[in-house]
Amino acid sequence: MLQVKILGTGCAKCGQLADAVRAVIAADGIAAEVEKVQDMQEIISYNVLSTPALVVDGAVCCAGRVPSAEEIRSMLAPRTRGCCCKGSSGASGSSCC
């Protein structure tokens, strides 16, 4: 399950980002837990200088604006992590994984 955080002080754009993220999650059936973070110390701990910001699994994906639904979808998409070949097969028909 994805851990999604919306960082912001409660302004209108922070609400727009939260609504947009929840809409993409609902439309795509993504298993995610969404948390709104308004505590300035916690926001600063992510090195975010402008809000709203979107954090997915601990990584800041976007800050200072409300991304489009397609951008949000891309930010929430599963990624292959920790592998140089990203799980693909090479010429020999095998991957390094």
C-alpha atoms as a PDB file:
ATOM      1  CA  MET A   1       0.000   0.000   0.000  1.00  0.00           C
ATOM      2  CA  LEU A   2       1.304   3.426  -0.947  1.00  0.00           C
ATOM      3  CA  GLN A   3       1.873   5.974   1.776  1.00  0.00           C
ATOM      4  CA  VAL A   4       0.839   9.358   0.377  1.00  0.00           C
ATOM      5  CA  LYS A   5       1.240  12.652   2.208  1.00  0.00           C
ATOM      6  CA  ILE A   6      -0.101  16.050   1.233  1.00  0.00           C
ATOM      7  CA  LEU A   7       2.099  18.710   2.809  1.00  0.00           C
ATOM      8  CA  GLY A   8       0.537  22.113   3.324  1.00  0.00           C
ATOM      9  CA  THR A   9      -0.761  24.652   5.760  1.00  0.00           C
ATOM     10  CA  GLY A  10      -4.404  24.242   4.799  1.00  0.00           C
ATOM     11  CA  CYS A  11      -4.601  26.745   1.941  1.00  0.00           C
ATOM     12  CA  ALA A  12      -6.936  26.329  -1.036  1.00  0.00           C
ATOM     13  CA  LYS A  13      -4.220  24.802  -3.243  1.00  0.00           C
ATOM     14  CA  CYS A  14      -3.441  22.226  -0.544  1.00  0.00           C
ATOM     15  CA  GLY A  15      -7.107  21.222  -0.573  1.00  0.00           C
ATOM     16  CA  GLN A  16      -7.088  21.058  -4.388  1.00  0.00           C
ATOM     17  CA  LEU A  17      -4.062  18.750  -4.338  1.00  0.00           C
ATOM     18  CA  ALA A  18      -5.656  16.491  -1.716  1.00  0.00           C
ATOM     19  CA  ASP A  19      -8.879  16.300  -3.745  1.00  0.00           C
ATOM     20  CA  ALA A  20      -6.983  15.592  -6.988  1.00  0.00           C
ATOM     21  CA  VAL A  21      -4.875  12.838  -5.388  1.00  0.00           C
ATOM     22  CA  ARG A  22      -7.929  11.196  -3.830  1.00  0.00           C
ATOM     23  CA  ALA A  23      -9.769  11.358  -7.174  1.00  0.00           C
ATOM     24  CA  VAL A  24      -6.924   9.585  -9.016  1.00  0.00           C
ATOM     25  CA  ILE A  25      -6.652   6.966  -6.260  1.00  0.00           C
ATOM     26  CA  ALA A  26     -10.402   6.297  -6.403  1.00  0.00           C
ATOM     27  CA  ALA A  27     -10.597   6.280 -10.215  1.00  0.00           C
ATOM     28  CA  ASP A  28      -7.641   3.907 -10.613  1.00  0.00           C
ATOM     29  CA  GLY A  29      -8.391   1.705  -7.598  1.00  0.00           C
ATOM     30  CA  ILE A  30      -4.958   2.357  -6.106  1.00  0.00           C
ATOM     31  CA  ALA A  31      -4.321   0.961  -2.632  1.00  0.00           C
ATOM     32  CA  ALA A  32      -3.044   4.013  -0.775  1.00  0.00           C
ATOM     33  CA  GLU A  33      -3.240   5.707   2.583  1.00  0.00           C
ATOM     34  CA  VAL A  34      -3.507   9.491   2.284  1.00  0.00           C
ATOM     35  CA  GLU A  35      -2.463  11.782   5.126  1.00  0.00           C
ATOM     36  CA  LYS A  36      -2.595  15.565   5.250  1.00  0.00           C
ATOM     37  CA  VAL A  37       0.393  17.074   7.062  1.00  0.00           C
ATOM     38  CA  GLN A  38       0.014  20.637   8.346  1.00  0.00           C
ATOM     39  CA  ASP A  39       2.747  20.669  10.995  1.00  0.00           C
ATOM     40  CA  MET A  40       5.476  23.081   9.800  1.00  0.00           C
ATOM     41  CA  GLN A  41       8.299  21.143  11.467  1.00  0.00           C
ATOM     42  CA  GLU A  42       7.295  17.966   9.642  1.00  0.00           C
ATOM     43  CA  ILE A  43       6.916  19.850   6.337  1.00  0.00           C
ATOM     44  CA  ILE A  44      10.386  21.356   6.794  1.00  0.00           C
ATOM     45  CA  SER A  45      11.804  17.893   7.514  1.00  0.00           C
ATOM     46  CA  TYR A  46      11.068  17.055   3.858  1.00  0.00           C
ATOM     47  CA  ASN A  47      13.102  20.113   2.729  1.00  0.00           C
ATOM     48  CA  VAL A  48       9.996  21.553   1.077  1.00  0.00           C
ATOM     49  CA  LEU A  49      10.129  25.326   0.683  1.00  0.00           C
ATOM     50  CA  SER A  50       6.767  25.839  -0.997  1.00  0.00           C
ATOM     51  CA  THR A  51       3.461  24.084  -0.574  1.00  0.00           C
ATOM     52  CA  PRO A  52       1.417  22.207  -1.495  1.00  0.00           C
ATOM     53  CA  ALA A  53       3.718  19.210  -1.827  1.00  0.00           C
ATOM     54  CA  LEU A  54       3.078  15.573  -2.626  1.00  0.00           C
ATOM     55  CA  VAL A  55       5.114  12.866  -0.900  1.00  0.00           C
ATOM     56  CA  VAL A  56       4.823   9.248  -2.056  1.00  0.00           C
ATOM     57  CA  ASP A  57       6.468   6.538   0.048  1.00  0.00           C
ATOM     58  CA  GLY A  58       8.728   9.113   1.681  1.00  0.00           C
ATOM     59  CA  ALA A  59       9.906  10.819  -1.526  1.00  0.00           C
ATOM     60  CA  VAL A  60       8.843  14.342  -2.464  1.00  0.00           C
ATOM     61  CA  CYS A  61       7.330  14.089  -5.957  1.00  0.00           C
ATOM     62  CA  CYS A  62       6.053  17.608  -6.450  1.00  0.00           C
ATOM     63  CA  ALA A  63       6.143  20.920  -4.562  1.00  0.00           C
ATOM     64  CA  GLY A  64       4.729  24.386  -5.017  1.00  0.00           C
ATOM     65  CA  ARG A  65       1.935  23.530  -7.438  1.00  0.00           C
ATOM     66  CA  VAL A  66      -1.056  21.300  -8.107  1.00  0.00           C
ATOM     67  CA  PRO A  67      -0.081  18.767 -10.787  1.00  0.00           C
ATOM     68  CA  SER A  68      -2.515  17.475 -13.392  1.00  0.00           C
ATOM     69  CA  ALA A  69      -4.333  14.177 -12.902  1.00  0.00           C
ATOM     70  CA  GLU A  70      -1.971  12.513 -15.414  1.00  0.00           C
ATOM     71  CA  GLU A  71       1.065  13.767 -13.508  1.00  0.00           C
ATOM     72  CA  ILE A  72      -0.396  12.489 -10.240  1.00  0.00           C
ATOM     73  CA  ARG A  73      -1.151   9.124 -11.871  1.00  0.00           C
ATOM     74  CA  SER A  74       2.491   8.923 -12.968  1.00  0.00           C
ATOM     75  CA  MET A  75       3.730   9.821  -9.481  1.00  0.00           C
ATOM     76  CA  LEU A  76       1.586   7.086  -7.922  1.00  0.00           C
ATOM     77  CA  ALA A  77       2.509   4.422 -10.510  1.00  0.00           C
ATOM     78  CA  PRO A  78       4.515   1.447  -9.281  1.00  0.00           C
ATOM     79  CA  ARG A  79       8.191   1.574 -10.103  1.00  0.00           C
ATOM     80  CA  THR A  80      10.808  -1.110 -10.360  1.00  0.00           C
ATOM     81  CA  ARG A  81      13.375  -0.168  -7.730  1.00  0.00           C
ATOM     82  CA  GLY A  82      16.865  -1.298  -6.904  1.00  0.00           C
ATOM     83  CA  CYS A  83      17.701  -3.084 -10.140  1.00  0.00           C
ATOM     84  CA  CYS A  84      19.972  -1.866 -12.917  1.00  0.00           C
ATOM     85  CA  CYS A  85      18.011  -3.729 -15.606  1.00  0.00           C
ATOM     86  CA  LYS A  86      14.567  -2.884 -14.212  1.00  0.00           C
ATOM     87  CA  GLY A  87      13.652  -6.548 -14.561  1.00  0.00           C
ATOM     88  CA  SER A  88      14.008  -6.644 -18.363  1.00  0.00           C
ATOM     89  CA  SER A  89      15.603  -9.490 -20.276  1.00  0.00           C
ATOM     90  CA  GLY A  90      18.915  -8.924 -21.971  1.00  0.00           C
ATOM     91  CA  ALA A  91      20.217 -10.445 -25.208  1.00  0.00           C
ATOM     92  CA  SER A  92      20.819 -13.761 -23.436  1.00  0.00           C
ATOM     93  CA  GLY A  93      17.173 -13.910 -22.424  1.00  0.00           C
ATOM     94  CA  SER A  94      17.782 -13.456 -18.705  1.00  0.00           C
ATOM     95  CA  SER A  95      17.888 -10.471 -16.398  1.00  0.00           C
ATOM     96  CA  CYS A  96      20.344  -9.770 -13.613  1.00  0.00           C
ATOM     97  CA  CYS A  97      17.551 -10.135 -11.086  1.00  0.00           C
END
